[in-house]
Amino acid sequence: MLRQILVAAALVCCAASAEAAVRTKVIEYKQGDTVLEGYLAWDDAKTGKRPGVLVVHEWTGLGPYVKKRAEMLAKLGYVAFAADIYGKGVRPSTPAEAGKVAAIYKDDRPLMRARARAGLDVLKGQKLVDRNRLAAIGYCFGGTTVLELARDGADLRGVASFHGGLATPKPEDAINIKARILAMQGADDPYVKADEIAAFQQEMRAAKVDWQFITYGNAVHSFTNPDAGNDNSKGAAYNEKADKRSWEAMKQFFAEIFK
């Protein structure tokens, strides 16, 4: 009996040691002369190379929310790098300030793409990353950014946008897209209107992109972020069902593109 107990205890210990051990690291890098500061997350208990996922932040910049998403991806077995589009220390604290900073990149898509590519280069450079299996995801402003990265012809297997802006000043660039595209939107999002959605879908069709578009009922903008509150009348609010469903859709998407 004692021996059985000891064996059982040893098995429990082995199982515990094999559980995910997420490690994180702040990485300073540059795009041109601008210093950027991203956030890397990976599972230290897993061995060998694995797919890498670039994560791009909302309009408030790289903060706790997107870092948490990077850690969630690491728990799934990916190496995740949360890129910094704005620059080290540039972290807007109010909606007005965030709008001004985000507008710099929305009005300068080549710069937005260059910042995203700089983050992708950091991800590619990680020793645990399989450079042939890369994807990018983004939230709100980040969704817009990863779609622009795809339009720029980045070597990605897939791009997933969560409640991101879909419009682009150069829809003809969709011909450069190599990635499969997954766009997820709130059905009642007042910031991404029907004409923008229609234009995006036509852009994808015209370029013969492999794309999916999922709409979540009763959801508005920022539906994945609990910090957005729960008042849909404000235009941005958390929706638990849409959050969970979109994350599961992303997981299924990754299972398909990385198989």
Protein backbone atom coordinates (compact mmCIF):
# COMPACT_ATOMS: atom_id res chain seq x y z
CA MET A 1 0.00 0.00 0.00
CA LEU A 2 2.79 2.40 0.94
CA ARG A 3 4.54 1.69 -2.34
CA GLN A 4 1.35 2.44 -4.29
CA ILE A 5 0.98 5.75 -2.46
CA LEU A 6 4.58 6.71 -3.24
CA VAL A 7 4.16 5.80 -6.91
CA ALA A 8 0.96 7.83 -7.12
CA ALA A 9 2.68 10.81 -5.48
CA ALA A 10 5.56 10.56 -7.93
CA LEU A 11 3.16 10.52 -10.87
CA VAL A 12 1.42 13.64 -9.55
CA CYS A 13 4.77 15.39 -9.21
CA CYS A 14 5.75 14.44 -12.77
CA ALA A 15 2.43 15.67 -14.11
CA ALA A 16 2.80 18.97 -12.28
CA SER A 17 6.29 19.49 -13.64
CA ALA A 18 5.00 18.89 -17.17
CA GLU A 19 2.33 21.57 -16.88
CA ALA A 20 2.69 24.82 -18.77
CA ALA A 21 5.26 27.14 -17.26
CA VAL A 22 4.71 30.46 -19.00
CA ARG A 23 7.74 32.73 -19.09
CA THR A 24 7.72 36.35 -20.20
CA LYS A 25 10.33 38.87 -21.21
CA VAL A 26 10.34 42.54 -22.16
CA ILE A 27 12.26 43.08 -25.39
CA GLU A 28 13.55 46.44 -26.56
CA TYR A 29 13.95 46.82 -30.31
CA LYS A 30 13.88 49.51 -32.99
CA GLN A 31 12.13 50.52 -36.16
CA GLY A 32 14.24 53.13 -37.88
CA ASP A 33 15.35 55.49 -35.11
CA THR A 34 12.35 54.78 -32.87
CA VAL A 35 12.86 52.62 -29.79
CA LEU A 36 10.04 50.13 -29.21
CA GLU A 37 9.34 47.82 -26.28
CA GLY A 38 7.48 44.55 -26.80
CA TYR A 39 6.48 41.62 -24.62
CA LEU A 40 7.39 37.99 -25.30
CA ALA A 41 5.59 34.98 -23.79
CA TRP A 42 6.30 31.27 -24.17
CA ASP A 43 5.83 27.96 -22.39
CA ASP A 44 9.12 26.94 -20.79
CA ALA A 45 7.93 23.37 -20.19
CA LYS A 46 7.48 22.73 -23.91
CA THR A 47 10.47 21.70 -26.01
CA GLY A 48 11.25 22.26 -29.66
CA LYS A 49 10.23 24.89 -32.17
CA ARG A 50 6.60 25.93 -32.37
CA PRO A 51 4.37 28.42 -34.24
CA GLY A 52 4.83 32.10 -33.47
CA VAL A 53 1.99 34.58 -33.07
CA LEU A 54 2.36 38.35 -33.30
CA VAL A 55 -0.14 40.23 -31.12
CA VAL A 56 -0.97 43.90 -31.72
CA HIS A 57 -2.50 46.12 -29.09
CA GLU A 58 -5.56 48.35 -28.95
CA TRP A 59 -5.41 52.13 -29.39
CA THR A 60 -4.22 52.58 -25.79
CA GLY A 61 -0.91 50.91 -26.63
CA LEU A 62 0.82 47.86 -25.24
CA GLY A 63 -0.64 47.28 -21.78
CA PRO A 64 -1.89 44.58 -19.39
CA TYR A 65 -4.73 43.43 -21.64
CA VAL A 66 -2.65 42.50 -24.66
CA LYS A 67 0.09 41.06 -22.43
CA LYS A 68 -2.53 38.75 -20.93
CA ARG A 69 -3.53 37.65 -24.42
CA ALA A 70 0.10 36.87 -25.23
CA GLU A 71 0.31 34.73 -22.09
CA MET A 72 -2.90 32.93 -23.04
CA LEU A 73 -1.36 32.09 -26.41
CA ALA A 74 1.76 30.82 -24.68
CA LYS A 75 -0.40 28.46 -22.61
CA LEU A 76 -1.79 27.10 -25.87
CA GLY A 77 1.74 26.20 -26.95
CA TYR A 78 2.66 29.18 -29.13
CA VAL A 79 5.43 31.72 -28.80
CA ALA A 80 3.64 35.06 -28.64
CA PHE A 81 5.16 38.49 -29.11
CA ALA A 82 3.09 41.54 -28.26
CA ALA A 83 4.48 44.22 -30.53
CA ASP A 84 4.75 47.91 -29.71
CA ILE A 85 3.47 50.10 -32.54
CA TYR A 86 3.64 53.44 -30.71
CA GLY A 87 7.14 53.45 -29.21
CA LYS A 88 8.66 52.85 -25.80
CA GLY A 89 6.79 54.72 -23.09
CA VAL A 90 4.02 55.94 -25.41
CA ARG A 91 0.97 54.64 -23.59
CA PRO A 92 -2.09 56.91 -23.95
CA SER A 93 -4.11 57.19 -20.75
CA THR A 94 -7.33 58.79 -22.05
CA PRO A 95 -9.55 58.13 -25.08
CA ALA A 96 -8.74 61.58 -26.45
CA GLU A 97 -5.02 60.96 -26.21
CA ALA A 98 -5.38 57.43 -27.62
CA GLY A 99 -7.34 58.77 -30.58
CA LYS A 100 -4.60 61.27 -31.41
CA VAL A 101 -1.82 58.70 -31.23
CA ALA A 102 -3.74 56.05 -33.18
CA ALA A 103 -4.54 58.61 -35.89
CA ILE A 104 -0.81 59.02 -36.63
CA TYR A 105 -0.69 55.43 -37.87
CA LYS A 106 -4.14 55.30 -39.42
CA ASP A 107 -3.11 58.30 -41.53
CA ASP A 108 0.28 56.79 -42.36
CA ARG A 109 -0.26 53.16 -43.34
CA PRO A 110 3.35 52.64 -44.53
CA LEU A 111 4.52 53.56 -41.01
CA MET A 112 1.90 51.29 -39.45
CA ARG A 113 3.08 48.43 -41.64
CA ALA A 114 6.74 49.12 -40.89
CA ARG A 115 6.11 49.04 -37.13
CA ALA A 116 4.22 45.77 -37.47
CA ARG A 117 6.99 44.26 -39.59
CA ALA A 118 9.56 45.28 -36.98
CA GLY A 119 7.59 43.32 -34.39
CA LEU A 120 7.29 40.37 -36.74
CA ASP A 121 11.05 40.38 -37.22
CA VAL A 122 11.55 40.13 -33.46
CA LEU A 123 9.18 37.16 -33.34
CA LYS A 124 10.98 35.45 -36.22
CA GLY A 125 14.28 35.89 -34.40
CA GLN A 126 13.25 33.83 -31.36
CA LYS A 127 15.04 30.48 -31.21
CA LEU A 128 11.87 28.59 -30.26
CA VAL A 129 9.86 29.92 -33.20
CA ASP A 130 9.22 27.93 -36.36
CA ARG A 131 9.65 30.72 -38.95
CA ASN A 132 7.51 28.77 -41.42
CA ARG A 133 4.49 28.82 -39.10
CA LEU A 134 3.61 32.39 -38.21
CA ALA A 135 0.34 34.22 -37.57
CA ALA A 136 -0.78 37.62 -36.31
CA ILE A 137 -3.76 38.73 -34.26
CA GLY A 138 -4.90 42.18 -33.23
CA TYR A 139 -7.56 43.96 -31.21
CA CYS A 140 -9.36 47.13 -32.37
CA PHE A 141 -6.46 49.32 -33.63
CA GLY A 142 -4.41 46.12 -33.60
CA GLY A 143 -6.91 44.41 -35.87
CA THR A 144 -6.47 47.20 -38.39
CA THR A 145 -2.71 46.85 -38.06
CA VAL A 146 -2.49 43.10 -38.65
CA LEU A 147 -4.75 43.41 -41.69
CA GLU A 148 -2.38 46.06 -43.06
CA LEU A 149 0.53 43.72 -42.34
CA ALA A 150 -1.22 41.06 -44.43
CA ARG A 151 -1.87 43.56 -47.23
CA ASP A 152 1.85 44.33 -47.15
CA GLY A 153 2.56 40.75 -48.17
CA ALA A 154 4.00 39.51 -44.88
CA ASP A 155 4.87 35.81 -44.75
CA LEU A 156 2.05 34.75 -42.45
CA ARG A 157 -0.14 31.68 -42.51
CA GLY A 158 -3.03 33.49 -40.90
CA VAL A 159 -4.28 36.81 -39.58
CA ALA A 160 -7.12 37.20 -37.06
CA SER A 161 -8.72 40.56 -36.35
CA PHE A 162 -10.88 41.05 -33.26
CA HIS A 163 -13.28 44.02 -33.58
CA GLY A 164 -10.74 45.82 -35.77
CA GLY A 165 -11.18 48.60 -38.27
CA LEU A 166 -11.46 47.06 -41.75
CA ALA A 167 -10.99 50.07 -44.03
CA THR A 168 -7.78 50.73 -45.91
CA PRO A 169 -6.70 53.54 -48.24
CA LYS A 170 -5.22 50.96 -50.65
CA PRO A 171 -7.64 48.04 -51.05
CA GLU A 172 -5.75 47.05 -54.21
CA ASP A 173 -2.92 45.88 -51.94
CA ALA A 174 -5.04 42.91 -50.93
CA ILE A 175 -3.55 41.18 -53.97
CA ASN A 176 -0.37 40.84 -51.86
CA ILE A 177 -2.07 38.87 -49.08
CA LYS A 178 -0.50 35.45 -48.48
CA ALA A 179 -2.30 34.72 -45.21
CA ARG A 180 -5.72 33.29 -44.60
CA ILE A 181 -7.90 35.95 -43.00
CA LEU A 182 -10.32 35.71 -40.06
CA ALA A 183 -12.24 38.89 -39.19
CA MET A 184 -14.53 38.91 -36.15
CA GLN A 185 -16.90 41.80 -35.53
CA GLY A 186 -19.71 42.79 -33.20
CA ALA A 187 -23.03 42.92 -35.05
CA ASP A 188 -23.92 46.21 -33.34
CA ASP A 189 -20.48 47.87 -33.54
CA PRO A 190 -21.20 51.55 -34.30
CA TYR A 191 -17.60 52.23 -35.31
CA VAL A 192 -17.38 49.65 -38.10
CA LYS A 193 -20.43 50.30 -40.23
CA ALA A 194 -22.14 48.20 -42.87
CA ASP A 195 -20.53 50.01 -45.81
CA GLU A 196 -17.04 49.41 -44.36
CA ILE A 197 -17.83 45.72 -43.89
CA ALA A 198 -19.19 45.44 -47.43
CA ALA A 199 -16.10 47.15 -48.86
CA PHE A 200 -13.79 44.82 -46.93
CA GLN A 201 -15.61 41.72 -48.10
CA GLN A 202 -15.51 42.92 -51.70
CA GLU A 203 -11.79 43.65 -51.29
CA MET A 204 -11.21 40.06 -50.13
CA ARG A 205 -13.29 38.63 -53.01
CA ALA A 206 -11.56 40.74 -55.65
CA ALA A 207 -8.13 39.60 -54.45
CA LYS A 208 -9.28 35.96 -54.16
CA VAL A 209 -8.17 35.79 -50.53
CA ASP A 210 -9.03 32.79 -48.35
CA TRP A 211 -11.15 34.68 -45.82
CA GLN A 212 -13.76 34.21 -43.10
CA PHE A 213 -16.01 36.81 -41.51
CA ILE A 214 -17.83 36.14 -38.24
CA THR A 215 -20.41 38.47 -36.72
CA TYR A 216 -21.43 38.17 -33.07
CA GLY A 217 -24.97 39.17 -32.17
CA ASN A 218 -25.62 41.68 -29.37
CA ALA A 219 -21.94 42.68 -29.40
CA VAL A 220 -20.47 46.14 -29.98
CA HIS A 221 -16.88 47.38 -30.23
CA SER A 222 -14.21 46.02 -27.82
CA PHE A 223 -16.33 42.95 -27.03
CA THR A 224 -13.29 40.94 -25.89
CA ASN A 225 -12.09 43.39 -23.25
CA PRO A 226 -13.65 43.28 -19.73
CA ASP A 227 -12.29 46.79 -19.09
CA ALA A 228 -14.74 48.13 -21.69
CA GLY A 229 -17.62 47.77 -19.21
CA ASN A 230 -21.02 46.30 -20.04
CA ASP A 231 -23.05 49.21 -21.41
CA ASN A 232 -23.64 48.59 -25.12
CA SER A 233 -25.12 52.08 -25.50
CA LYS A 234 -21.60 53.51 -25.18
CA GLY A 235 -20.58 51.77 -28.38
CA ALA A 236 -17.81 49.75 -26.73
CA ALA A 237 -18.56 47.06 -24.14
CA TYR A 238 -17.50 43.60 -23.05
CA ASN A 239 -19.55 40.61 -24.17
CA GLU A 240 -18.56 37.38 -22.46
CA LYS A 241 -20.19 35.09 -25.02
CA ALA A 242 -18.63 36.89 -27.98
CA ASP A 243 -15.27 36.95 -26.21
CA LYS A 244 -15.26 33.19 -25.61
CA ARG A 245 -16.69 32.35 -29.03
CA SER A 246 -14.15 34.49 -30.86
CA TRP A 247 -11.25 32.97 -28.92
CA GLU A 248 -12.49 29.49 -29.80
CA ALA A 249 -12.83 30.56 -33.44
CA MET A 250 -9.22 31.73 -33.37
CA LYS A 251 -8.08 28.41 -31.87
CA GLN A 252 -9.88 26.49 -34.60
CA PHE A 253 -8.39 28.81 -37.21
CA PHE A 254 -4.89 28.19 -35.86
CA ALA A 255 -5.46 24.43 -35.80
CA GLU A 256 -6.28 24.67 -39.51
CA ILE A 257 -3.42 26.91 -40.63
CA PHE A 258 -0.73 25.25 -38.51
CA LYS A 259 -1.68 21.61 -39.13
